[in-house]
Amino acid sequence: MKHFAANSNLGAQDRFGLNLAARLSDSANTLPHHIVERLRVSRVQALDRFKQAKMLVASSVQASGGAATMSFGDEEGSFWRRVASLVPLLVLIAGLIAVNMLDRDTRARELAEIDAAILTDDLPPAAYTDPGFAQFLSARREQSQ
């Protein structure tokens, strides 16, 4: 019987699993042939399922600051996955630029309307800076209410 517990690179669960597998293999010699064959088929199926499940589980997660990335081992087409992961970022940047441009345009239009109203009004622009003008406006607002 082979004992794998001496290997210090393995974790406790791995050592337990290897010891259990070795003991099961040793005791399989006393079983009838048809049971040994069923066990072999079950092992093959279990290994196939394990390989399929391993493909779906991330092989490593790397944390850097406030961000984490997952890698799935040998990824085929990783170039296209990287390109696809950049698409949302590019859309976000384009959206932010568009919102900024629209906001700037709206603000410029509002300022142009205010400037046009001041310049076309009957009052001279210096009247708006007069302290009595603010009192005149508040008195006028109170009268209209």
N, C-alpha and C. Protein backbone atom coordinates (compact mmCIF):
# COMPACT_ATOMS: atom_id res chain seq x y z
N MET A 1 0.84 -1.18 0.00
CA MET A 1 0.00 0.00 0.00
C MET A 1 0.88 1.23 0.00
N LYS A 2 0.56 2.19 -0.87
CA LYS A 2 1.34 3.42 -0.97
C LYS A 2 0.76 4.46 -0.02
N HIS A 3 1.63 5.14 0.68
CA HIS A 3 1.20 6.20 1.57
C HIS A 3 1.71 7.52 1.02
N PHE A 4 0.78 8.46 0.81
CA PHE A 4 1.13 9.75 0.23
C PHE A 4 1.18 10.86 1.28
N ALA A 5 1.00 10.54 2.54
CA ALA A 5 0.94 11.55 3.59
C ALA A 5 2.29 12.20 3.82
N ALA A 6 3.36 11.58 3.38
CA ALA A 6 4.69 12.13 3.61
C ALA A 6 4.96 13.37 2.74
N ASN A 7 4.20 13.55 1.68
CA ASN A 7 4.40 14.70 0.80
C ASN A 7 3.92 15.96 1.50
N SER A 8 4.85 16.85 1.84
CA SER A 8 4.50 18.05 2.63
C SER A 8 3.91 19.16 1.77
N ASN A 9 3.97 19.05 0.46
CA ASN A 9 3.41 20.09 -0.42
C ASN A 9 1.89 20.00 -0.51
N LEU A 10 1.32 18.91 -0.10
CA LEU A 10 -0.13 18.71 -0.21
C LEU A 10 -0.83 19.22 1.04
N GLY A 11 -2.06 19.68 0.86
CA GLY A 11 -2.86 20.11 1.99
C GLY A 11 -3.43 18.89 2.71
N ALA A 12 -4.07 19.14 3.85
CA ALA A 12 -4.62 18.04 4.66
C ALA A 12 -5.70 17.28 3.90
N GLN A 13 -6.55 17.99 3.16
CA GLN A 13 -7.61 17.32 2.41
C GLN A 13 -7.02 16.46 1.29
N ASP A 14 -5.98 16.98 0.63
CA ASP A 14 -5.36 16.21 -0.45
C ASP A 14 -4.69 14.94 0.09
N ARG A 15 -4.01 15.07 1.21
CA ARG A 15 -3.37 13.89 1.80
C ARG A 15 -4.41 12.85 2.21
N PHE A 16 -5.50 13.31 2.82
CA PHE A 16 -6.58 12.39 3.21
C PHE A 16 -7.15 11.67 1.99
N GLY A 17 -7.40 12.44 0.91
CA GLY A 17 -7.95 11.85 -0.31
C GLY A 17 -7.03 10.83 -0.92
N LEU A 18 -5.73 11.13 -0.95
CA LEU A 18 -4.77 10.18 -1.52
C LEU A 18 -4.66 8.92 -0.67
N ASN A 19 -4.66 9.08 0.66
CA ASN A 19 -4.62 7.91 1.53
C ASN A 19 -5.87 7.05 1.37
N LEU A 20 -7.02 7.69 1.28
CA LEU A 20 -8.27 6.96 1.10
C LEU A 20 -8.27 6.22 -0.23
N ALA A 21 -7.81 6.89 -1.28
CA ALA A 21 -7.76 6.24 -2.60
C ALA A 21 -6.81 5.04 -2.58
N ALA A 22 -5.69 5.16 -1.89
CA ALA A 22 -4.74 4.04 -1.82
C ALA A 22 -5.35 2.86 -1.08
N ARG A 23 -6.04 3.11 0.01
CA ARG A 23 -6.67 2.03 0.78
C ARG A 23 -7.79 1.36 -0.03
N LEU A 24 -8.57 2.17 -0.73
CA LEU A 24 -9.64 1.59 -1.55
C LEU A 24 -9.06 0.74 -2.67
N SER A 25 -7.97 1.20 -3.28
CA SER A 25 -7.33 0.43 -4.36
C SER A 25 -6.80 -0.89 -3.84
N ASP A 26 -6.20 -0.88 -2.64
CA ASP A 26 -5.67 -2.12 -2.05
C ASP A 26 -6.79 -3.12 -1.75
N SER A 27 -7.91 -2.61 -1.26
CA SER A 27 -9.00 -3.53 -0.91
C SER A 27 -9.79 -3.97 -2.14
N ALA A 28 -9.59 -3.31 -3.28
CA ALA A 28 -10.30 -3.69 -4.50
C ALA A 28 -9.84 -5.03 -5.03
N ASN A 29 -8.65 -5.49 -4.62
CA ASN A 29 -8.12 -6.78 -5.10
C ASN A 29 -8.94 -7.96 -4.58
N THR A 30 -9.65 -7.78 -3.49
CA THR A 30 -10.42 -8.88 -2.91
C THR A 30 -11.86 -8.92 -3.44
N LEU A 31 -12.26 -7.94 -4.23
CA LEU A 31 -13.63 -7.87 -4.75
C LEU A 31 -13.78 -8.70 -6.02
N PRO A 32 -15.02 -9.15 -6.31
CA PRO A 32 -15.26 -9.87 -7.57
C PRO A 32 -15.04 -8.95 -8.78
N HIS A 33 -14.77 -9.57 -9.93
CA HIS A 33 -14.42 -8.82 -11.14
C HIS A 33 -15.52 -7.85 -11.58
N HIS A 34 -16.79 -8.27 -11.54
CA HIS A 34 -17.88 -7.41 -12.03
C HIS A 34 -18.02 -6.14 -11.16
N ILE A 35 -17.74 -6.25 -9.85
CA ILE A 35 -17.81 -5.05 -8.98
C ILE A 35 -16.62 -4.14 -9.26
N VAL A 36 -15.44 -4.72 -9.48
CA VAL A 36 -14.25 -3.92 -9.81
C VAL A 36 -14.47 -3.16 -11.11
N GLU A 37 -15.11 -3.82 -12.08
CA GLU A 37 -15.38 -3.17 -13.37
C GLU A 37 -16.38 -2.03 -13.21
N ARG A 38 -17.42 -2.21 -12.40
CA ARG A 38 -18.40 -1.14 -12.14
C ARG A 38 -17.72 0.05 -11.44
N LEU A 39 -16.82 -0.25 -10.52
CA LEU A 39 -16.09 0.83 -9.83
C LEU A 39 -15.20 1.60 -10.80
N ARG A 40 -14.56 0.88 -11.73
CA ARG A 40 -13.70 1.55 -12.71
C ARG A 40 -14.51 2.49 -13.59
N VAL A 41 -15.69 2.04 -14.04
CA VAL A 41 -16.56 2.86 -14.87
C VAL A 41 -17.03 4.09 -14.07
N SER A 42 -17.34 3.90 -12.81
CA SER A 42 -17.78 5.02 -11.97
C SER A 42 -16.66 6.03 -11.79
N ARG A 43 -15.43 5.56 -11.63
CA ARG A 43 -14.28 6.48 -11.51
C ARG A 43 -14.10 7.30 -12.78
N VAL A 44 -14.21 6.63 -13.92
CA VAL A 44 -14.06 7.35 -15.20
C VAL A 44 -15.14 8.43 -15.33
N GLN A 45 -16.36 8.08 -14.99
CA GLN A 45 -17.46 9.06 -15.06
C GLN A 45 -17.22 10.22 -14.08
N ALA A 46 -16.76 9.89 -12.89
CA ALA A 46 -16.51 10.94 -11.89
C ALA A 46 -15.40 11.88 -12.37
N LEU A 47 -14.36 11.32 -12.98
CA LEU A 47 -13.28 12.17 -13.50
C LEU A 47 -13.76 13.06 -14.64
N ASP A 48 -14.62 12.52 -15.50
CA ASP A 48 -15.18 13.33 -16.59
C ASP A 48 -16.00 14.49 -16.04
N ARG A 49 -16.82 14.19 -15.03
CA ARG A 49 -17.64 15.26 -14.42
C ARG A 49 -16.76 16.30 -13.74
N PHE A 50 -15.70 15.83 -13.11
CA PHE A 50 -14.77 16.75 -12.44
C PHE A 50 -14.11 17.68 -13.45
N LYS A 51 -13.70 17.11 -14.58
CA LYS A 51 -13.06 17.94 -15.62
C LYS A 51 -14.04 18.97 -16.18
N GLN A 52 -15.29 18.58 -16.36
CA GLN A 52 -16.30 19.53 -16.86
C GLN A 52 -16.57 20.63 -15.84
N ALA A 53 -16.64 20.26 -14.56
CA ALA A 53 -16.88 21.25 -13.51
C ALA A 53 -15.68 22.18 -13.36
N LYS A 54 -14.49 21.65 -13.56
CA LYS A 54 -13.28 22.45 -13.44
C LYS A 54 -13.21 23.52 -14.52
N MET A 55 -13.77 23.25 -15.67
CA MET A 55 -13.78 24.23 -16.75
C MET A 55 -14.63 25.44 -16.39
N LEU A 56 -15.66 25.25 -15.58
CA LEU A 56 -16.57 26.32 -15.24
C LEU A 56 -16.11 27.14 -14.04
N VAL A 57 -15.20 26.61 -13.25
CA VAL A 57 -14.74 27.29 -12.04
C VAL A 57 -13.49 28.09 -12.36
N ALA A 58 -13.43 29.32 -11.86
CA ALA A 58 -12.27 30.16 -12.09
C ALA A 58 -11.05 29.52 -11.45
N SER A 59 -9.94 29.52 -12.18
CA SER A 59 -8.74 28.91 -11.64
C SER A 59 -8.01 29.84 -10.69
N SER A 60 -8.20 31.15 -10.82
CA SER A 60 -7.58 32.08 -9.88
C SER A 60 -8.35 33.39 -9.87
N VAL A 61 -8.32 34.02 -8.70
CA VAL A 61 -8.90 35.34 -8.53
C VAL A 61 -7.79 36.23 -8.01
N GLN A 62 -7.53 37.31 -8.72
CA GLN A 62 -6.46 38.22 -8.32
C GLN A 62 -7.07 39.53 -7.88
N ALA A 63 -6.71 39.97 -6.68
CA ALA A 63 -7.22 41.23 -6.15
C ALA A 63 -6.12 42.28 -6.23
N SER A 64 -6.52 43.46 -6.64
CA SER A 64 -5.58 44.57 -6.72
C SER A 64 -6.32 45.83 -6.32
N GLY A 65 -6.05 46.33 -5.14
CA GLY A 65 -6.76 47.52 -4.66
C GLY A 65 -8.21 47.18 -4.43
N GLY A 66 -9.10 47.92 -5.08
CA GLY A 66 -10.53 47.68 -4.93
C GLY A 66 -11.11 46.84 -6.04
N ALA A 67 -10.28 46.27 -6.92
CA ALA A 67 -10.78 45.50 -8.06
C ALA A 67 -10.29 44.06 -7.97
N ALA A 68 -11.08 43.16 -8.54
CA ALA A 68 -10.70 41.75 -8.59
C ALA A 68 -10.92 41.24 -10.00
N THR A 69 -10.01 40.40 -10.45
CA THR A 69 -10.15 39.79 -11.77
C THR A 69 -10.12 38.28 -11.61
N MET A 70 -10.88 37.59 -12.46
CA MET A 70 -10.90 36.13 -12.44
C MET A 70 -10.27 35.64 -13.73
N SER A 71 -9.45 34.61 -13.62
CA SER A 71 -8.93 33.97 -14.83
C SER A 71 -9.37 32.52 -14.81
N PHE A 72 -9.63 31.99 -15.97
CA PHE A 72 -10.16 30.64 -16.09
C PHE A 72 -9.13 29.69 -16.68
N GLY A 73 -7.88 29.87 -16.32
CA GLY A 73 -6.85 28.96 -16.81
C GLY A 73 -6.53 29.23 -18.26
N ASP A 74 -6.39 28.16 -19.02
CA ASP A 74 -6.09 28.28 -20.45
C ASP A 74 -7.34 28.68 -21.19
N GLU A 75 -7.46 29.96 -21.46
CA GLU A 75 -8.64 30.45 -22.15
C GLU A 75 -8.35 30.58 -23.64
N GLU A 76 -9.15 29.92 -24.44
CA GLU A 76 -9.04 30.13 -25.87
C GLU A 76 -9.90 31.31 -26.24
N GLY A 77 -9.42 32.11 -27.14
CA GLY A 77 -10.17 33.29 -27.53
C GLY A 77 -10.09 34.38 -26.47
N SER A 78 -9.04 34.39 -25.68
CA SER A 78 -8.95 35.39 -24.62
C SER A 78 -8.82 36.80 -25.22
N PHE A 79 -8.29 36.93 -26.43
CA PHE A 79 -8.21 38.24 -27.07
C PHE A 79 -9.61 38.80 -27.26
N TRP A 80 -10.53 37.98 -27.75
CA TRP A 80 -11.90 38.45 -27.99
C TRP A 80 -12.63 38.73 -26.68
N ARG A 81 -12.30 37.97 -25.65
CA ARG A 81 -12.90 38.24 -24.34
C ARG A 81 -12.41 39.58 -23.79
N ARG A 82 -11.15 39.88 -24.01
CA ARG A 82 -10.63 41.18 -23.57
C ARG A 82 -11.26 42.31 -24.34
N VAL A 83 -11.42 42.11 -25.64
CA VAL A 83 -12.06 43.14 -26.46
C VAL A 83 -13.50 43.33 -26.00
N ALA A 84 -14.19 42.23 -25.75
CA ALA A 84 -15.59 42.31 -25.31
C ALA A 84 -15.70 42.96 -23.94
N SER A 85 -14.71 42.78 -23.09
CA SER A 85 -14.77 43.42 -21.77
C SER A 85 -14.48 44.91 -21.86
N LEU A 86 -13.84 45.36 -22.93
CA LEU A 86 -13.57 46.79 -23.11
C LEU A 86 -14.77 47.54 -23.71
N VAL A 87 -15.66 46.83 -24.36
CA VAL A 87 -16.81 47.48 -25.00
C VAL A 87 -17.66 48.27 -24.00
N PRO A 88 -18.05 47.70 -22.84
CA PRO A 88 -18.84 48.51 -21.90
C PRO A 88 -18.10 49.75 -21.41
N LEU A 89 -16.79 49.64 -21.24
CA LEU A 89 -16.00 50.79 -20.81
C LEU A 89 -16.02 51.88 -21.89
N LEU A 90 -15.87 51.49 -23.14
CA LEU A 90 -15.90 52.47 -24.23
C LEU A 90 -17.26 53.13 -24.36
N VAL A 91 -18.33 52.35 -24.17
CA VAL A 91 -19.68 52.91 -24.22
C VAL A 91 -19.89 53.89 -23.07
N LEU A 92 -19.38 53.56 -21.90
CA LEU A 92 -19.49 54.46 -20.75
C LEU A 92 -18.75 55.76 -21.00
N ILE A 93 -17.54 55.68 -21.52
CA ILE A 93 -16.77 56.89 -21.80
C ILE A 93 -17.47 57.74 -22.86
N ALA A 94 -17.99 57.10 -23.91
CA ALA A 94 -18.70 57.85 -24.96
C ALA A 94 -19.95 58.51 -24.37
N GLY A 95 -20.67 57.83 -23.50
CA GLY A 95 -21.84 58.41 -22.87
C GLY A 95 -21.49 59.61 -22.00
N LEU A 96 -20.41 59.50 -21.24
CA LEU A 96 -19.99 60.62 -20.40
C LEU A 96 -19.58 61.83 -21.24
N ILE A 97 -18.90 61.58 -22.34
CA ILE A 97 -18.51 62.69 -23.23
C ILE A 97 -19.75 63.34 -23.83
N ALA A 98 -20.72 62.53 -24.25
CA ALA A 98 -21.95 63.08 -24.84
C ALA A 98 -22.73 63.90 -23.81
N VAL A 99 -22.84 63.41 -22.59
CA VAL A 99 -23.55 64.15 -21.54
C VAL A 99 -22.84 65.46 -21.25
N ASN A 100 -21.52 65.42 -21.19
CA ASN A 100 -20.74 66.64 -20.94
C ASN A 100 -20.96 67.67 -22.05
N MET A 101 -20.96 67.21 -23.29
CA MET A 101 -21.15 68.14 -24.42
C MET A 101 -22.56 68.73 -24.38
N LEU A 102 -23.57 67.92 -24.12
CA LEU A 102 -24.94 68.42 -24.05
C LEU A 102 -25.11 69.40 -22.89
N ASP A 103 -24.50 69.10 -21.76
CA ASP A 103 -24.59 69.99 -20.60
C ASP A 103 -23.92 71.33 -20.91
N ARG A 104 -22.76 71.29 -21.54
CA ARG A 104 -22.07 72.52 -21.90
C ARG A 104 -22.88 73.35 -22.89
N ASP A 105 -23.49 72.67 -23.85
CA ASP A 105 -24.30 73.36 -24.85
C ASP A 105 -25.53 74.00 -24.21
N THR A 106 -26.19 73.25 -23.31
CA THR A 106 -27.37 73.77 -22.62
C THR A 106 -27.00 74.97 -21.77
N ARG A 107 -25.89 74.89 -21.05
CA ARG A 107 -25.44 76.00 -20.20
C ARG A 107 -25.11 77.22 -21.05
N ALA A 108 -24.48 77.03 -22.18
CA ALA A 108 -24.14 78.16 -23.07
C ALA A 108 -25.41 78.82 -23.60
N ARG A 109 -26.42 78.01 -23.95
CA ARG A 109 -27.69 78.58 -24.42
C ARG A 109 -28.38 79.41 -23.32
N GLU A 110 -28.36 78.88 -22.08
CA GLU A 110 -28.98 79.61 -20.97
C GLU A 110 -28.28 80.94 -20.74
N LEU A 111 -26.96 80.93 -20.76
CA LEU A 111 -26.21 82.18 -20.57
C LEU A 111 -26.46 83.15 -21.72
N ALA A 112 -26.59 82.65 -22.93
CA ALA A 112 -26.87 83.52 -24.08
C ALA A 112 -28.25 84.15 -23.95
N GLU A 113 -29.24 83.39 -23.46
CA GLU A 113 -30.58 83.95 -23.25
C GLU A 113 -30.56 85.05 -22.19
N ILE A 114 -29.81 84.82 -21.10
CA ILE A 114 -29.71 85.83 -20.05
C ILE A 114 -29.03 87.09 -20.59
N ASP A 115 -27.93 86.90 -21.32
CA ASP A 115 -27.23 88.06 -21.90
C ASP A 115 -28.14 88.82 -22.86
N ALA A 116 -28.87 88.10 -23.69
CA ALA A 116 -29.77 88.76 -24.65
C ALA A 116 -30.87 89.52 -23.91
N ALA A 117 -31.40 88.96 -22.84
CA ALA A 117 -32.46 89.64 -22.07
C ALA A 117 -31.92 90.91 -21.42
N ILE A 118 -30.72 90.84 -20.90
CA ILE A 118 -30.13 92.03 -20.26
C ILE A 118 -29.85 93.12 -21.29
N LEU A 119 -29.31 92.73 -22.44
CA LEU A 119 -28.94 93.73 -23.45
C LEU A 119 -30.15 94.33 -24.15
N THR A 120 -31.25 93.60 -24.25
CA THR A 120 -32.44 94.13 -24.93
C THR A 120 -33.42 94.78 -23.97
N ASP A 121 -33.13 94.77 -22.68
CA ASP A 121 -34.04 95.35 -21.68
C ASP A 121 -33.94 96.88 -21.74
N ASP A 122 -34.97 97.54 -21.19
CA ASP A 122 -34.99 99.00 -21.15
C ASP A 122 -33.98 99.55 -20.16
N LEU A 123 -33.64 98.78 -19.15
CA LEU A 123 -32.69 99.26 -18.14
C LEU A 123 -31.26 99.12 -18.65
N PRO A 124 -30.38 100.04 -18.25
CA PRO A 124 -28.96 99.88 -18.60
C PRO A 124 -28.35 98.78 -17.72
N PRO A 125 -27.32 98.09 -18.18
CA PRO A 125 -26.70 97.00 -17.40
C PRO A 125 -26.21 97.46 -16.03
N ALA A 126 -25.83 98.71 -15.86
CA ALA A 126 -25.35 99.20 -14.56
C ALA A 126 -26.47 99.20 -13.53
N ALA A 127 -27.73 99.25 -13.95
CA ALA A 127 -28.85 99.28 -13.01
C ALA A 127 -28.97 97.96 -12.25
N TYR A 128 -28.54 96.87 -12.86
CA TYR A 128 -28.62 95.57 -12.21
C TYR A 128 -27.67 95.46 -11.01
N THR A 129 -26.61 96.25 -11.00
CA THR A 129 -25.65 96.21 -9.89
C THR A 129 -26.01 97.20 -8.79
N ASP A 130 -26.99 98.05 -9.01
CA ASP A 130 -27.41 99.04 -8.01
C ASP A 130 -28.10 98.31 -6.86
N PRO A 131 -27.71 98.63 -5.56
CA PRO A 131 -28.34 97.96 -4.42
C PRO A 131 -29.84 98.24 -4.32
N GLY A 132 -30.30 99.36 -4.79
CA GLY A 132 -31.72 99.68 -4.73
C GLY A 132 -32.53 98.86 -5.71
N PHE A 133 -31.91 98.32 -6.73
CA PHE A 133 -32.62 97.53 -7.73
C PHE A 133 -33.15 96.23 -7.11
N ALA A 134 -32.35 95.60 -6.22
CA ALA A 134 -32.79 94.37 -5.55
C ALA A 134 -34.00 94.66 -4.68
N GLN A 135 -34.00 95.82 -4.01
CA GLN A 135 -35.16 96.19 -3.19
C GLN A 135 -36.37 96.45 -4.07
N PHE A 136 -36.16 97.07 -5.22
CA PHE A 136 -37.23 97.34 -6.16
C PHE A 136 -37.87 96.04 -6.64
N LEU A 137 -37.04 95.06 -6.96
CA LEU A 137 -37.55 93.77 -7.43
C LEU A 137 -38.33 93.04 -6.34
N SER A 138 -37.83 93.05 -5.10
CA SER A 138 -38.54 92.36 -4.03
C SER A 138 -39.86 93.06 -3.70
N ALA A 139 -39.88 94.39 -3.76
CA ALA A 139 -41.13 95.11 -3.51
C ALA A 139 -42.13 94.83 -4.62
N ARG A 140 -41.65 94.76 -5.85
CA ARG A 140 -42.52 94.48 -6.98
C ARG A 140 -43.09 93.06 -6.90
N ARG A 141 -42.26 92.09 -6.41
CA ARG A 141 -42.71 90.71 -6.27
C ARG A 141 -43.78 90.61 -5.19
N GLU A 142 -43.62 91.37 -4.11
CA GLU A 142 -44.61 91.36 -3.03
C GLU A 142 -45.92 91.96 -3.50
N GLN A 143 -45.87 92.99 -4.35
CA GLN A 143 -47.09 93.60 -4.87
C GLN A 143 -47.86 92.67 -5.79
N SER A 144 -47.12 91.88 -6.56
CA SER A 144 -47.79 90.99 -7.52
C SER A 144 -48.43 89.79 -6.81
N GLN A 145 -48.02 89.47 -5.63
CA GLN A 145 -48.59 88.34 -4.90
C GLN A 145 -49.76 88.81 -4.16
